[in-house]
Amino acid sequence: ISKYIMKNKLLRSLMEAEEEVGEEIPQEAMAEEDRTKRILNVTSVIS
């Protein structure tokens, strides 16, 4: 369970950080795709 909670916290903080950075990126669609790929990568590494 703790691993699951850790993953959730990491994903949440990652997404928050990405949102802050994302505001400066004009190509939002591309940034969104990048973000999704990175989140999937992080998720597969952790699990």
N, C-alpha and C. Protein backbone atom coordinates (compact mmCIF):
# COMPACT_ATOMS: atom_id res chain seq x y z
N ILE A 1 0.84 -1.21 0.00
CA ILE A 1 0.00 0.00 0.00
C ILE A 1 0.87 1.25 0.00
N SER A 2 1.94 1.22 0.79
CA SER A 2 2.81 2.41 0.88
C SER A 2 3.43 2.74 -0.48
N LYS A 3 3.75 1.70 -1.27
CA LYS A 3 4.31 1.94 -2.60
C LYS A 3 3.27 2.65 -3.47
N TYR A 4 2.01 2.23 -3.35
CA TYR A 4 0.93 2.84 -4.12
C TYR A 4 0.75 4.30 -3.72
N ILE A 5 0.79 4.57 -2.42
CA ILE A 5 0.65 5.95 -1.93
C ILE A 5 1.82 6.80 -2.42
N MET A 6 3.03 6.24 -2.34
CA MET A 6 4.22 6.97 -2.81
C MET A 6 4.08 7.30 -4.28
N LYS A 7 3.61 6.33 -5.07
CA LYS A 7 3.46 6.56 -6.50
C LYS A 7 2.46 7.69 -6.75
N ASN A 8 1.35 7.68 -6.01
CA ASN A 8 0.35 8.74 -6.17
C ASN A 8 0.92 10.10 -5.83
N LYS A 9 1.66 10.18 -4.72
CA LYS A 9 2.26 11.45 -4.32
C LYS A 9 3.24 11.94 -5.37
N LEU A 10 4.05 11.02 -5.90
CA LEU A 10 5.05 11.39 -6.90
C LEU A 10 4.35 11.87 -8.17
N LEU A 11 3.34 11.13 -8.61
CA LEU A 11 2.62 11.52 -9.82
C LEU A 11 1.95 12.88 -9.64
N ARG A 12 1.38 13.10 -8.45
CA ARG A 12 0.70 14.37 -8.21
C ARG A 12 1.69 15.53 -8.24
N SER A 13 2.83 15.35 -7.57
CA SER A 13 3.82 16.43 -7.56
C SER A 13 4.43 16.62 -8.95
N LEU A 14 4.59 15.52 -9.68
CA LEU A 14 5.11 15.60 -11.05
C LEU A 14 4.15 16.40 -11.93
N MET A 15 2.86 16.09 -11.81
CA MET A 15 1.87 16.79 -12.61
C MET A 15 1.79 18.26 -12.24
N GLU A 16 1.90 18.56 -10.95
CA GLU A 16 1.88 19.96 -10.52
C GLU A 16 3.07 20.71 -11.08
N ALA A 17 4.24 20.08 -11.03
CA ALA A 17 5.45 20.71 -11.57
C ALA A 17 5.30 20.91 -13.08
N GLU A 18 4.75 19.91 -13.76
CA GLU A 18 4.56 20.00 -15.20
C GLU A 18 3.59 21.13 -15.54
N GLU A 19 2.55 21.30 -14.72
CA GLU A 19 1.58 22.37 -14.99
C GLU A 19 2.24 23.73 -14.88
N GLU A 20 3.11 23.90 -13.89
CA GLU A 20 3.81 25.18 -13.72
C GLU A 20 4.70 25.46 -14.93
N VAL A 21 5.44 24.44 -15.35
CA VAL A 21 6.32 24.60 -16.51
C VAL A 21 5.48 24.76 -17.77
N GLY A 22 4.40 24.00 -17.85
CA GLY A 22 3.55 23.98 -19.04
C GLY A 22 2.97 25.34 -19.39
N GLU A 23 2.79 26.19 -18.39
CA GLU A 23 2.22 27.51 -18.65
C GLU A 23 3.14 28.34 -19.54
N GLU A 24 4.43 28.00 -19.54
CA GLU A 24 5.39 28.76 -20.34
C GLU A 24 5.55 28.17 -21.74
N ILE A 25 4.96 27.00 -21.97
CA ILE A 25 5.12 26.33 -23.26
C ILE A 25 3.94 26.65 -24.17
N PRO A 26 4.19 27.22 -25.34
CA PRO A 26 3.11 27.57 -26.26
C PRO A 26 2.45 26.35 -26.92
N GLN A 27 3.24 25.35 -27.29
CA GLN A 27 2.66 24.17 -27.95
C GLN A 27 2.05 23.26 -26.89
N GLU A 28 0.84 23.60 -26.46
CA GLU A 28 0.23 22.87 -25.33
C GLU A 28 -0.08 21.43 -25.67
N ALA A 29 -0.50 21.18 -26.89
CA ALA A 29 -0.84 19.81 -27.28
C ALA A 29 0.40 18.92 -27.21
N MET A 30 1.51 19.43 -27.74
CA MET A 30 2.76 18.67 -27.73
C MET A 30 3.24 18.47 -26.30
N ALA A 31 3.13 19.52 -25.50
CA ALA A 31 3.55 19.43 -24.10
C ALA A 31 2.70 18.41 -23.35
N GLU A 32 1.42 18.40 -23.65
CA GLU A 32 0.51 17.45 -22.98
C GLU A 32 0.88 16.01 -23.33
N GLU A 33 1.21 15.79 -24.61
CA GLU A 33 1.60 14.45 -25.05
C GLU A 33 2.90 14.03 -24.36
N ASP A 34 3.86 14.96 -24.31
CA ASP A 34 5.13 14.71 -23.62
C ASP A 34 4.90 14.35 -22.17
N ARG A 35 4.06 15.13 -21.53
CA ARG A 35 3.76 14.94 -20.11
C ARG A 35 3.16 13.56 -19.88
N THR A 36 2.22 13.16 -20.75
CA THR A 36 1.59 11.86 -20.60
C THR A 36 2.62 10.75 -20.74
N LYS A 37 3.51 10.87 -21.73
CA LYS A 37 4.56 9.85 -21.93
C LYS A 37 5.46 9.77 -20.71
N ARG A 38 5.86 10.93 -20.19
CA ARG A 38 6.75 10.93 -19.02
C ARG A 38 6.07 10.31 -17.81
N ILE A 39 4.78 10.63 -17.61
CA ILE A 39 4.05 10.06 -16.47
C ILE A 39 3.95 8.55 -16.63
N LEU A 40 3.70 8.08 -17.85
CA LEU A 40 3.62 6.64 -18.09
C LEU A 40 4.97 5.99 -17.83
N ASN A 41 6.05 6.64 -18.25
CA ASN A 41 7.40 6.11 -18.00
C ASN A 41 7.67 6.00 -16.52
N VAL A 42 7.37 7.07 -15.78
CA VAL A 42 7.60 7.07 -14.33
C VAL A 42 6.77 5.98 -13.67
N THR A 43 5.53 5.85 -14.11
CA THR A 43 4.64 4.84 -13.51
C THR A 43 5.19 3.44 -13.74
N SER A 44 5.66 3.16 -14.96
CA SER A 44 6.16 1.81 -15.25
C SER A 44 7.47 1.54 -14.52
N VAL A 45 8.27 2.57 -14.29
CA VAL A 45 9.53 2.39 -13.56
C VAL A 45 9.24 2.06 -12.10
N ILE A 46 8.26 2.75 -11.52
CA ILE A 46 7.97 2.57 -10.09
C ILE A 46 7.28 1.23 -9.84
N SER A 47 6.33 0.87 -10.68
CA SER A 47 5.53 -0.33 -10.41
C SER A 47 6.29 -1.61 -10.70
